[in-house]
N, C-alpha and C. Protein backbone atom coordinates (compact mmCIF):
# COMPACT_ATOMS: atom_id res chain seq x y z
N UNK A 1 97.17 7.00 119.00
CA UNK A 1 96.78 6.87 117.36
C UNK A 1 95.70 5.30 117.71
N UNK A 2 94.72 5.71 117.31
CA UNK A 2 93.88 4.83 117.52
C UNK A 2 93.84 3.75 116.44
N UNK A 3 93.43 2.26 116.47
CA UNK A 3 93.74 1.41 115.55
C UNK A 3 92.83 0.25 115.66
N UNK A 4 92.56 -0.31 114.44
CA UNK A 4 91.43 -1.64 114.57
C UNK A 4 92.05 -2.42 113.35
N UNK A 5 92.15 -3.71 114.19
CA UNK A 5 92.57 -4.74 113.06
C UNK A 5 91.31 -5.42 112.62
N UNK A 6 91.32 -5.60 110.90
CA UNK A 6 90.19 -6.41 110.18
C UNK A 6 90.72 -7.46 109.88
N UNK A 7 89.58 -8.71 109.65
CA UNK A 7 89.90 -9.90 109.21
C UNK A 7 88.38 -9.89 108.01
N UNK A 8 88.72 -10.05 106.77
CA UNK A 8 87.68 -9.79 106.20
C UNK A 8 87.00 -8.96 106.36
N UNK A 9 87.15 -7.78 106.58
CA UNK A 9 86.48 -6.30 106.71
C UNK A 9 85.89 -6.36 107.82
N UNK A 10 85.82 -7.32 108.72
CA UNK A 10 85.30 -7.40 109.71
C UNK A 10 86.15 -6.89 111.10
N UNK A 11 85.73 -5.83 112.22
CA UNK A 11 86.42 -5.62 113.07
C UNK A 11 86.95 -6.34 113.81
N UNK A 12 87.82 -6.78 114.45
CA UNK A 12 88.33 -8.07 115.33
C UNK A 12 89.02 -7.60 116.60
N UNK A 13 90.48 -6.68 116.80
CA UNK A 13 90.71 -6.16 117.88
C UNK A 13 91.19 -4.71 117.78
N UNK A 14 90.81 -3.95 118.68
CA UNK A 14 91.47 -2.57 118.33
C UNK A 14 91.97 -2.24 119.91
N UNK A 15 92.82 -1.03 119.25
CA UNK A 15 93.52 -0.45 120.89
C UNK A 15 93.93 1.43 120.22
N UNK A 16 94.78 1.56 120.93
CA UNK A 16 95.57 2.99 120.84
C UNK A 16 96.97 2.71 121.15
N UNK A 17 97.78 3.39 120.35
CA UNK A 17 99.42 3.51 120.21
C UNK A 17 99.67 4.60 121.04
N UNK A 18 100.29 4.88 121.47
CA UNK A 18 101.23 5.95 121.91
C UNK A 18 102.39 5.92 121.86
N UNK A 19 103.03 7.23 121.97
CA UNK A 19 104.51 7.56 121.97
C UNK A 19 105.13 7.08 120.37
N UNK A 20 104.75 7.45 119.66
CA UNK A 20 105.03 6.92 118.36
C UNK A 20 106.16 8.18 117.89
N UNK A 21 107.51 7.78 117.30
CA UNK A 21 108.42 8.37 117.10
C UNK A 21 108.50 8.52 115.29
N UNK A 22 108.47 9.92 114.62
CA UNK A 22 108.42 9.69 113.14
C UNK A 22 109.78 9.86 112.63
N UNK A 23 110.36 8.87 111.87
CA UNK A 23 111.48 8.83 111.28
C UNK A 23 111.69 9.65 110.28
N UNK A 24 113.01 9.84 110.16
CA UNK A 24 113.55 11.18 108.86
C UNK A 24 113.23 10.19 107.90
N UNK A 25 113.56 11.25 106.95
CA UNK A 25 113.00 10.89 105.28
C UNK A 25 114.00 9.85 104.97
N UNK A 26 113.46 8.90 104.04
CA UNK A 26 114.46 7.85 103.87
C UNK A 26 114.46 6.88 105.15
N UNK A 27 114.21 6.90 106.18
CA UNK A 27 114.55 6.48 107.16
C UNK A 27 113.28 4.97 107.52
N UNK A 28 113.43 3.91 108.40
CA UNK A 28 112.82 3.30 108.40
C UNK A 28 112.78 3.25 110.28
N UNK A 29 111.51 2.76 110.60
CA UNK A 29 111.72 2.27 112.37
C UNK A 29 110.38 1.20 112.59
N UNK A 30 110.53 0.33 113.04
CA UNK A 30 109.46 -0.30 113.58
C UNK A 30 108.79 0.51 115.09
N UNK A 31 107.45 0.28 115.20
CA UNK A 31 106.39 0.96 115.90
C UNK A 31 105.95 -0.40 116.49
N UNK A 32 106.17 -0.04 117.84
CA UNK A 32 105.75 -1.39 118.93
C UNK A 32 103.87 -1.22 119.21
N UNK A 33 103.83 -2.18 119.04
CA UNK A 33 101.63 -2.10 119.21
C UNK A 33 101.62 -3.04 120.59
N UNK A 34 101.09 -2.55 121.53
CA UNK A 34 100.70 -3.55 122.59
C UNK A 34 99.06 -4.16 121.86
N UNK A 35 98.85 -5.26 122.29
CA UNK A 35 97.68 -5.88 121.99
C UNK A 35 97.38 -6.69 123.10
N UNK A 36 96.22 -6.49 123.46
CA UNK A 36 95.77 -7.00 124.37
C UNK A 36 94.15 -7.63 124.35
N UNK A 37 93.68 -8.92 124.53
CA UNK A 37 92.53 -9.24 123.98
C UNK A 37 91.54 -10.29 125.23
N UNK A 38 90.84 -9.72 125.93
CA UNK A 38 89.79 -10.62 127.07
C UNK A 38 89.48 -11.79 126.02
N UNK A 39 90.34 -12.83 126.25
CA UNK A 39 89.95 -13.87 125.11
C UNK A 39 88.49 -14.77 125.75
N UNK A 40 87.88 -14.45 126.93
CA UNK A 40 86.82 -14.85 127.24
C UNK A 40 85.66 -13.89 126.73
N UNK A 41 85.66 -12.96 126.55
CA UNK A 41 84.89 -11.82 126.21
C UNK A 41 84.85 -12.10 124.85
N UNK A 42 86.10 -12.38 124.20
CA UNK A 42 85.88 -12.64 122.63
C UNK A 42 85.38 -14.04 122.11
N UNK A 43 85.32 -14.88 122.93
CA UNK A 43 84.91 -16.15 122.58
C UNK A 43 83.40 -16.16 122.88
N UNK A 44 82.82 -15.56 123.55
CA UNK A 44 81.25 -15.27 124.03
C UNK A 44 81.07 -14.46 122.84
N UNK A 45 81.32 -13.45 122.65
CA UNK A 45 81.10 -12.15 121.38
C UNK A 45 80.71 -13.11 120.11
N UNK A 46 82.11 -13.65 120.01
CA UNK A 46 82.79 -14.06 118.29
C UNK A 46 82.60 -15.68 118.43
N UNK A 47 82.71 -16.39 119.44
CA UNK A 47 82.58 -17.89 119.01
C UNK A 47 83.75 -18.21 118.61
N UNK A 48 84.36 -19.61 118.79
CA UNK A 48 85.34 -20.33 118.85
C UNK A 48 85.69 -20.52 117.17
N UNK A 49 84.83 -20.40 116.44
CA UNK A 49 85.26 -20.32 114.80
C UNK A 49 85.97 -19.65 114.62
N UNK A 50 85.38 -18.13 114.97
CA UNK A 50 85.81 -16.93 114.90
C UNK A 50 87.38 -16.59 115.04
N UNK A 51 87.58 -17.24 116.41
CA UNK A 51 88.91 -16.92 117.35
C UNK A 51 90.01 -17.75 116.23
N UNK A 52 89.57 -18.89 115.82
CA UNK A 52 90.45 -20.12 114.92
C UNK A 52 90.67 -18.88 113.69
N UNK A 53 89.57 -18.34 113.00
CA UNK A 53 89.73 -17.67 111.83
C UNK A 53 90.96 -16.48 111.68
N UNK A 54 90.81 -15.63 113.23
CA UNK A 54 91.50 -14.84 113.60
C UNK A 54 93.13 -15.61 113.69
N UNK A 55 93.24 -16.21 114.39
CA UNK A 55 94.33 -17.25 114.30
C UNK A 55 95.19 -17.72 113.23
N UNK A 56 94.25 -18.14 112.23
CA UNK A 56 94.79 -18.67 110.97
C UNK A 56 95.00 -17.62 109.93
N UNK A 57 93.93 -16.66 110.00
CA UNK A 57 94.95 -15.39 109.23
C UNK A 57 95.96 -14.65 109.76
N UNK A 58 96.08 -14.61 110.78
CA UNK A 58 97.60 -13.88 111.47
C UNK A 58 98.82 -14.64 111.28
N UNK A 59 98.68 -16.16 111.21
CA UNK A 59 99.58 -17.15 110.81
C UNK A 59 99.64 -17.42 109.22
N UNK A 60 98.62 -16.77 108.26
CA UNK A 60 99.20 -16.93 106.33
C UNK A 60 98.48 -18.23 106.45
N UNK A 61 97.77 -19.06 107.47
CA UNK A 61 97.51 -20.29 106.60
C UNK A 61 95.72 -20.28 106.21
N UNK A 62 95.32 -21.53 105.61
CA UNK A 62 94.20 -21.59 104.97
C UNK A 62 93.79 -20.29 104.62
N UNK A 63 94.65 -19.56 103.77
CA UNK A 63 94.40 -18.40 102.96
C UNK A 63 95.44 -17.72 103.09
N UNK A 64 95.21 -16.40 103.17
CA UNK A 64 96.54 -15.65 103.20
C UNK A 64 96.70 -14.54 104.07
N UNK A 65 97.79 -13.68 105.04
CA UNK A 65 97.34 -12.76 105.56
C UNK A 65 96.78 -11.37 104.96
N UNK A 66 96.90 -11.88 103.87
CA UNK A 66 96.17 -10.48 103.16
C UNK A 66 94.86 -10.25 103.24
N UNK A 67 94.15 -11.09 103.94
CA UNK A 67 92.58 -11.14 104.76
C UNK A 67 92.88 -9.92 105.89
N UNK A 68 93.93 -9.70 106.32
CA UNK A 68 93.98 -8.72 107.42
C UNK A 68 94.32 -7.50 106.65
N UNK A 69 93.84 -6.26 107.61
CA UNK A 69 94.39 -4.92 107.39
C UNK A 69 94.08 -4.40 108.63
N UNK A 70 95.13 -3.43 108.73
CA UNK A 70 95.02 -2.61 109.86
C UNK A 70 94.88 -1.26 109.51
N UNK A 71 93.88 -0.29 110.39
CA UNK A 71 93.45 0.84 110.11
C UNK A 71 93.66 1.57 111.48
N UNK A 72 94.01 2.92 110.86
CA UNK A 72 94.55 3.47 111.84
C UNK A 72 93.84 5.02 111.64
N UNK A 73 93.88 5.74 113.02
CA UNK A 73 93.49 7.01 112.64
C UNK A 73 94.53 8.01 113.48
N UNK A 74 95.45 8.51 112.55
CA UNK A 74 96.27 9.43 113.45
C UNK A 74 96.07 10.55 114.19
N UNK A 75 96.66 11.14 114.88
CA UNK A 75 96.34 12.34 115.53
C UNK A 75 97.78 13.06 115.99
N UNK A 76 98.43 13.88 115.27
CA UNK A 76 99.09 14.69 115.28
C UNK A 76 98.96 16.17 116.25
N UNK A 77 100.08 16.12 116.81
CA UNK A 77 100.22 18.02 117.52
C UNK A 77 101.01 18.71 116.89
N UNK A 78 100.30 19.90 116.60
CA UNK A 78 100.80 21.01 115.80
C UNK A 78 100.54 22.06 116.48
N UNK A 79 101.90 22.89 117.02
CA UNK A 79 101.60 24.28 117.87
C UNK A 79 100.86 23.76 118.92
N UNK A 80 100.81 22.51 119.43
CA UNK A 80 100.56 22.31 120.67
C UNK A 80 98.89 21.98 120.72
N UNK A 81 98.34 21.60 119.19
CA UNK A 81 97.17 21.39 118.82
C UNK A 81 96.64 20.05 118.37
N UNK A 82 96.14 19.30 119.21
CA UNK A 82 95.89 17.75 118.29
C UNK A 82 95.23 17.84 117.05
N UNK A 83 95.22 17.14 116.12
CA UNK A 83 94.75 17.24 114.67
C UNK A 83 94.63 16.06 114.78
N UNK A 84 93.33 15.36 114.42
CA UNK A 84 93.11 14.19 114.40
C UNK A 84 92.83 13.84 112.28
N UNK A 85 93.58 12.89 111.78
CA UNK A 85 93.41 12.75 110.35
C UNK A 85 91.96 11.63 110.46
N UNK A 86 91.81 11.61 109.19
CA UNK A 86 90.51 10.64 108.68
C UNK A 86 91.55 9.16 108.46
N UNK A 87 90.69 8.11 108.91
CA UNK A 87 91.30 6.38 108.76
C UNK A 87 92.06 6.10 108.16
N UNK A 88 93.25 5.97 107.93
CA UNK A 88 93.79 5.49 106.87
C UNK A 88 94.23 3.63 106.85
N UNK A 89 94.57 2.99 105.90
CA UNK A 89 94.48 1.09 105.81
C UNK A 89 96.49 1.26 105.92
N UNK A 90 96.90 0.75 106.67
CA UNK A 90 98.39 0.54 106.81
C UNK A 90 98.56 -1.13 106.20
């Protein structure tokens, strides 16, 4: 499943999650997300101020973590055929 992390509707970090187990009805599960960021590349493209905004938004300081949104594009395999749904906000 492709995902994008947005701060104030600006795409910041993205990646792909694999091997997700869907829980049964009424059950909860934790879906691990491996996140990697080439900090040097990010600093070149975004600058130190945007990196600080990312850290503060994730930590909930100087504002709120509600500035963050995680958007994903789930792909389900049905009868052996992958079906990709529209992007959803989690």
